[in-house]
Protein backbone atom coordinates (compact mmCIF):
# COMPACT_ATOMS: atom_id res chain seq x y z
CA MET A 1 81.92 126.72 132.70
CA SER A 2 79.56 124.17 134.25
CA GLU A 3 77.15 125.79 136.67
CA GLY A 4 75.77 124.34 139.89
CA ILE A 5 78.36 121.57 140.23
CA SER A 6 81.48 121.98 142.33
CA THR A 7 84.78 121.71 140.47
CA LEU A 8 85.58 118.93 142.95
CA GLU A 9 83.10 116.83 140.97
CA ARG A 10 84.14 118.06 137.53
CA HIS A 11 86.91 117.24 135.10
CA ILE A 12 88.74 119.92 133.15
CA VAL A 13 89.57 119.45 129.47
CA ILE A 14 92.55 121.61 128.52
CA GLY A 15 92.48 122.53 124.83
CA ALA A 16 89.54 123.00 122.46
CA GLY A 17 91.12 121.58 119.33
CA PRO A 18 89.96 118.42 117.54
CA VAL A 19 90.95 116.06 120.37
CA GLY A 20 89.77 118.33 123.18
CA LEU A 21 86.36 118.67 121.54
CA ALA A 22 86.12 114.91 121.09
CA MET A 23 86.97 114.33 124.76
CA ALA A 24 84.49 116.96 125.91
CA ALA A 25 81.77 115.40 123.75
CA ALA A 26 82.54 111.96 125.19
CA LEU A 27 82.31 113.27 128.77
CA LYS A 28 79.03 115.00 128.00
CA HIS A 29 77.64 111.84 126.38
CA ARG A 30 78.49 109.87 129.54
CA GLY A 31 76.99 112.49 131.81
CA ILE A 32 80.34 113.37 133.38
CA PRO A 33 80.54 117.05 134.45
CA PHE A 34 83.38 118.99 132.83
CA ASP A 35 84.81 122.37 131.98
CA LEU A 36 86.49 123.01 128.62
CA VAL A 37 89.19 125.69 128.58
CA ASP A 38 91.48 127.04 125.87
CA ALA A 39 94.15 129.73 125.80
CA GLU A 40 92.87 131.04 122.46
CA SER A 41 89.70 132.96 121.57
CA GLY A 42 87.65 130.00 120.32
CA VAL A 43 87.58 126.35 119.34
CA GLY A 44 89.75 124.87 116.62
CA GLY A 45 93.20 124.54 118.13
CA ASN A 46 95.87 124.78 115.46
CA TRP A 47 93.23 125.48 112.81
CA LEU A 48 92.35 128.68 114.66
CA HIS A 49 95.75 130.10 115.55
CA GLY A 50 98.56 128.27 113.80
CA VAL A 51 98.07 127.69 110.08
CA TYR A 52 98.70 129.69 106.93
CA ARG A 53 95.86 130.79 104.68
CA ASN A 54 96.36 128.20 101.95
CA ALA A 55 96.84 125.22 104.28
CA HIS A 56 94.86 122.01 103.71
CA ILE A 57 94.72 118.83 105.74
CA VAL A 58 97.06 116.11 104.53
CA SER A 59 94.73 113.24 105.43
CA SER A 60 91.37 112.96 103.70
CA LYS A 61 88.12 114.28 105.15
CA LYS A 62 86.95 110.67 105.56
CA ALA A 63 90.02 109.82 107.63
CA THR A 64 89.84 113.07 109.62
CA GLU A 65 86.15 113.57 110.43
CA TYR A 66 84.50 112.42 113.64
CA THR A 67 82.86 109.05 112.98
CA ASP A 68 79.50 110.27 114.27
CA TYR A 69 79.70 113.72 112.68
CA PRO A 70 80.67 113.55 108.99
CA MET A 71 82.02 116.54 107.14
CA PRO A 72 79.67 118.25 104.66
CA ASP A 73 79.28 116.55 101.28
CA ASP A 74 80.44 119.69 99.47
CA PHE A 75 83.82 119.66 101.24
CA PRO A 76 86.68 118.50 98.98
CA ASP A 77 88.72 115.39 99.74
CA PHE A 78 91.28 117.60 101.49
CA PRO A 79 89.48 120.49 103.23
CA SER A 80 91.10 123.89 103.74
CA ALA A 81 92.00 125.50 107.05
CA ASP A 82 88.85 127.64 106.92
CA GLN A 83 86.70 124.59 106.26
CA MET A 84 88.33 122.68 109.12
CA LEU A 85 87.66 125.57 111.49
CA SER A 86 84.02 125.84 110.41
CA TYR A 87 83.58 122.07 110.82
CA LEU A 88 85.03 122.03 114.34
CA THR A 89 82.94 125.06 115.33
CA ALA A 90 79.80 123.38 114.00
CA PHE A 91 80.64 120.20 115.93
CA ALA A 92 81.08 122.13 119.18
CA LYS A 93 77.72 123.86 118.70
CA ASP A 94 75.94 120.66 117.66
CA ARG A 95 77.20 118.81 120.74
CA GLY A 96 76.40 121.69 123.08
CA LEU A 97 79.98 122.08 124.24
CA LEU A 98 80.20 125.88 124.19
CA ALA A 99 78.09 126.23 127.34
CA ASN A 100 80.91 124.52 129.24
CA ALA A 101 83.72 126.38 127.48
CA GLU A 102 85.96 129.23 128.62
CA PHE A 103 88.26 130.90 126.11
CA ASN A 104 91.31 133.11 126.62
CA LYS A 105 91.83 130.95 129.71
CA LYS A 106 95.39 129.67 129.77
CA VAL A 107 96.44 126.86 132.11
CA VAL A 108 99.99 127.26 133.41
CA ARG A 109 100.17 124.36 135.84
CA ALA A 110 98.23 121.26 136.90
CA GLU A 111 99.33 118.96 139.71
CA PRO A 112 97.77 116.39 142.05
CA ASP A 113 96.91 117.75 145.49
CA GLY A 114 97.55 114.50 147.34
CA ALA A 115 93.89 114.11 148.26
CA GLY A 116 92.59 112.57 145.05
CA HIS A 117 92.05 115.82 143.15
CA TRP A 118 94.02 118.14 140.88
CA THR A 119 95.00 121.75 141.47
CA VAL A 120 94.86 123.77 138.26
CA LYS A 121 96.45 127.20 138.04
CA PHE A 122 95.63 129.74 135.33
CA ALA A 123 97.65 132.57 133.82
CA ASP A 124 95.22 135.14 135.27
CA GLY A 125 96.07 133.97 138.80
CA GLU A 126 92.93 131.94 139.41
CA GLU A 127 93.28 128.50 140.99
CA ARG A 128 90.74 125.68 140.97
CA THR A 129 90.58 122.11 142.23
CA TYR A 130 89.20 119.45 139.86
CA LYS A 131 88.35 115.79 140.08
CA GLY A 132 90.44 115.05 137.00
CA VAL A 133 92.42 116.64 134.17
CA VAL A 134 92.30 115.78 130.46
CA VAL A 135 95.25 117.35 128.62
CA CYS A 136 94.58 118.05 124.92
CA ASN A 137 96.83 121.03 124.30
CA GLY A 138 98.42 119.65 121.13
CA HIS A 139 102.04 119.93 120.04
CA HIS A 140 102.01 122.70 117.41
CA TRP A 141 101.62 125.70 119.73
CA ASP A 142 105.26 125.89 120.83
CA LYS A 143 107.75 127.10 118.21
CA ARG A 144 110.96 125.13 117.80
CA TYR A 145 113.99 126.59 116.07
CA PRO A 146 117.05 124.80 114.66
CA THR A 147 120.45 125.45 116.18
CA PHE A 148 123.65 125.84 114.20
CA ARG A 149 127.12 127.33 114.54
CA GLY A 150 127.46 131.02 113.85
CA THR A 151 125.04 133.93 113.75
CA PHE A 152 122.46 134.50 111.03
CA THR A 153 121.71 138.17 110.40
CA GLY A 154 118.95 137.79 107.81
CA GLU A 155 115.22 137.51 108.39
CA LEU A 156 114.11 134.42 110.34
CA LEU A 157 110.51 133.26 109.84
CA HIS A 158 108.94 130.34 111.70
CA SER A 159 106.24 128.38 109.87
CA LYS A 160 103.79 129.29 112.63
CA ASP A 161 104.25 132.96 111.67
CA TYR A 162 103.76 132.27 107.98
CA VAL A 163 100.47 133.63 106.65
CA ALA A 164 100.60 134.02 102.87
CA PRO A 165 103.03 133.80 99.90
CA HIS A 166 103.48 137.59 99.67
CA GLN A 167 105.89 137.25 102.61
CA PHE A 168 108.36 135.72 100.14
CA ASP A 169 108.11 138.43 97.48
CA ASP A 170 111.53 139.24 95.96
CA LYS A 171 113.39 137.27 98.65
CA ARG A 172 115.99 134.52 98.54
CA VAL A 173 114.57 131.85 100.82
CA LEU A 174 116.14 128.88 102.59
CA VAL A 175 113.61 126.50 104.13
CA ILE A 176 114.99 124.26 106.89
CA GLY A 177 113.11 120.98 107.25
CA GLY A 178 111.08 118.89 104.86
CA GLY A 179 107.92 118.05 106.80
CA ASN A 180 104.46 119.06 105.62
CA SER A 181 104.80 122.73 106.63
CA GLY A 182 108.33 122.96 105.25
CA VAL A 183 107.19 121.50 101.94
CA ASP A 184 104.30 123.96 101.65
CA MET A 185 106.53 126.93 102.42
CA ALA A 186 109.21 125.79 99.98
CA VAL A 187 106.66 125.40 97.19
CA ASP A 188 105.23 128.87 97.87
CA ALA A 189 108.70 130.43 98.10
CA GLY A 190 109.66 128.76 94.84
CA ARG A 191 106.67 130.35 93.13
CA PHE A 192 106.73 133.81 94.65
CA GLY A 193 110.26 134.38 95.95
CA LYS A 194 113.41 135.28 94.05
CA SER A 195 114.82 131.80 94.77
CA CYS A 196 114.26 128.92 97.16
CA ASP A 197 116.54 126.25 98.61
CA ILE A 198 115.44 123.58 101.08
CA SER A 199 117.90 122.14 103.61
CA LEU A 200 117.26 118.58 104.75
CA GLN A 201 119.32 116.99 107.48
CA SER A 202 118.11 113.52 106.51
CA GLY A 203 115.77 111.79 104.11
CA TYR A 204 111.97 111.97 104.35
CA TRP A 205 109.28 109.61 103.19
CA TYR A 206 107.15 111.59 100.75
CA LEU A 207 103.83 109.88 100.11
CA PRO A 208 101.40 110.85 97.35
CA LYS A 209 98.14 112.29 98.66
CA THR A 210 96.19 110.21 96.17
CA PHE A 211 96.64 106.92 94.37
CA LEU A 212 94.49 105.61 91.52
CA GLY A 213 92.06 108.47 92.03
CA ARG A 214 91.53 107.92 95.76
CA PRO A 215 93.05 109.64 98.79
CA LEU A 216 95.90 107.51 100.08
CA THR A 217 94.43 107.55 103.59
CA ASP A 218 91.18 106.04 102.24
CA LEU A 219 92.82 102.91 100.82
CA PRO A 220 91.83 99.69 102.66
CA ILE A 221 95.31 98.98 103.97
CA TRP A 222 95.43 100.63 107.38
CA GLY A 223 94.17 97.66 109.37
CA LEU A 224 96.87 95.39 107.97
CA PRO A 225 100.07 94.53 109.87
CA ILE A 226 102.55 97.39 109.81
CA PHE A 227 105.11 95.48 107.74
CA VAL A 228 102.43 94.87 105.09
CA GLN A 229 101.46 98.56 105.09
CA ARG A 230 105.10 99.52 104.59
CA ALA A 231 105.53 97.08 101.71
CA ILE A 232 102.40 98.40 99.97
CA LEU A 233 103.42 102.03 100.45
CA LYS A 234 106.91 101.37 99.11
CA SER A 235 105.33 99.86 96.00
CA ILE A 236 103.07 102.90 95.61
CA ILE A 237 106.07 105.23 95.98
CA ALA A 238 108.09 103.26 93.42
CA PHE A 239 105.18 103.32 90.97
CA SER A 240 104.10 106.95 91.35
CA ILE A 241 107.28 108.78 92.43
CA GLY A 242 110.36 106.63 91.92
CA ASP A 243 113.72 106.95 93.62
CA TYR A 244 113.98 110.12 95.71
CA ARG A 245 117.62 110.50 94.64
CA ARG A 246 116.42 111.34 91.13
CA TYR A 247 115.07 114.56 92.64
CA GLY A 248 118.30 115.34 94.46
CA LEU A 249 116.89 114.14 97.78
CA GLN A 250 118.34 111.69 100.25
CA ARG A 251 116.91 108.23 100.69
CA PRO A 252 115.35 107.83 104.15
CA LYS A 253 117.35 105.67 106.54
CA HIS A 254 114.35 105.06 108.78
CA LYS A 255 111.29 102.93 108.13
CA ILE A 256 107.97 104.44 107.09
CA PHE A 257 106.06 105.68 110.19
CA GLU A 258 109.13 105.66 112.43
CA ARG A 259 108.97 109.39 111.78
CA HIS A 260 106.02 111.39 110.52
CA PRO A 261 105.89 111.14 106.70
CA ALA A 262 105.12 114.10 104.46
CA PHE A 263 102.12 113.89 102.15
CA GLY A 264 102.04 115.25 98.62
CA THR A 265 104.31 115.55 95.61
CA ASP A 266 104.28 119.33 95.22
CA LEU A 267 107.88 119.61 96.43
CA LEU A 268 109.05 116.99 93.97
CA ASN A 269 107.29 118.83 91.14
CA ALA A 270 108.82 122.15 92.25
CA ILE A 271 112.28 120.56 92.19
CA ARG A 272 111.66 119.27 88.66
CA LEU A 273 110.53 122.73 87.59
CA GLY A 274 113.72 124.27 88.99
CA ARG A 275 111.82 126.36 91.51
CA VAL A 276 113.30 124.65 94.58
CA LYS A 277 116.88 123.44 95.03
CA PRO A 278 117.60 120.65 97.56
CA ARG A 279 120.47 121.24 99.97
CA PRO A 280 122.02 119.02 102.67
CA ALA A 281 122.23 119.89 106.36
CA ILE A 282 123.66 123.23 107.50
CA ASP A 283 127.25 123.23 108.77
CA HIS A 284 127.44 126.85 109.93
CA VAL A 285 126.25 130.36 109.16
CA ASP A 286 128.03 133.70 108.89
CA GLY A 287 125.84 136.76 108.50
CA GLU A 288 123.57 135.98 105.55
CA THR A 289 125.84 133.25 104.16
CA VAL A 290 124.94 129.64 104.92
CA SER A 291 127.52 126.86 104.54
CA PHE A 292 126.31 123.29 104.08
CA VAL A 293 127.97 120.02 105.09
CA ASP A 294 128.89 119.23 101.48
CA GLY A 295 131.07 122.36 101.26
CA THR A 296 128.64 124.45 99.21
CA THR A 297 127.32 127.83 100.30
CA GLY A 298 124.28 130.00 99.69
CA THR A 299 123.18 133.53 100.50
């Protein structure tokens, strides 16, 4: 917490993840007083509290690093969760942000006071008035669960509670959703579980992490018009992956980037190896039996 300066002259940055740290560093660089608070025990955001042990970033280190604070040379193209956390911690220390930081300090409400300031309320009951609020609390902290007809009586595991593959030992697993976390969990369940199905309500754009030996996010295409980017990526998909229907997957009905794409071909390889079986959307559940919209069932 900043000392010697009234909160009436300070801004509060809520969240000490990658964006919160960047905002705090920018305020410090401009000489703008600030406090940095986070509900967790340290910096890192999702990399501190919400990822499984074998997680890696899906964009390259070059595309992910701060432009004025490159990642270490010995980091791989796609750093691990531990490496991301160490990088963000090092950045916070290098920029001198920890002196202004308070951890285990959860904000529950922020609202304008009508006099040009903001009233910020904390979970511990404290209340402060700030000059401004910068919200950087991310979108991965709040679990979202699918809804379907019926009652499921088996074990339900959210990806945020997934830690390591041993959680799938000797279990029949159904993964719901085909985003990056869903793909990683399906691949792990296919390797370590008794069986694994993956239920997809619609088609996803699966992009290779690399192309011609380079991370896809490092290719010089991202400044081009969006329709050109889409055309190039479709060509890359056709060349390196082919038609998704050959893997038993649905073709996406939306354009690339209209929804978040999934990076990597591990799921496609797992399907080819027979470790993961694609399923359509869920129609209803009954106990441990799941019925899908195509009339098939699984337990």
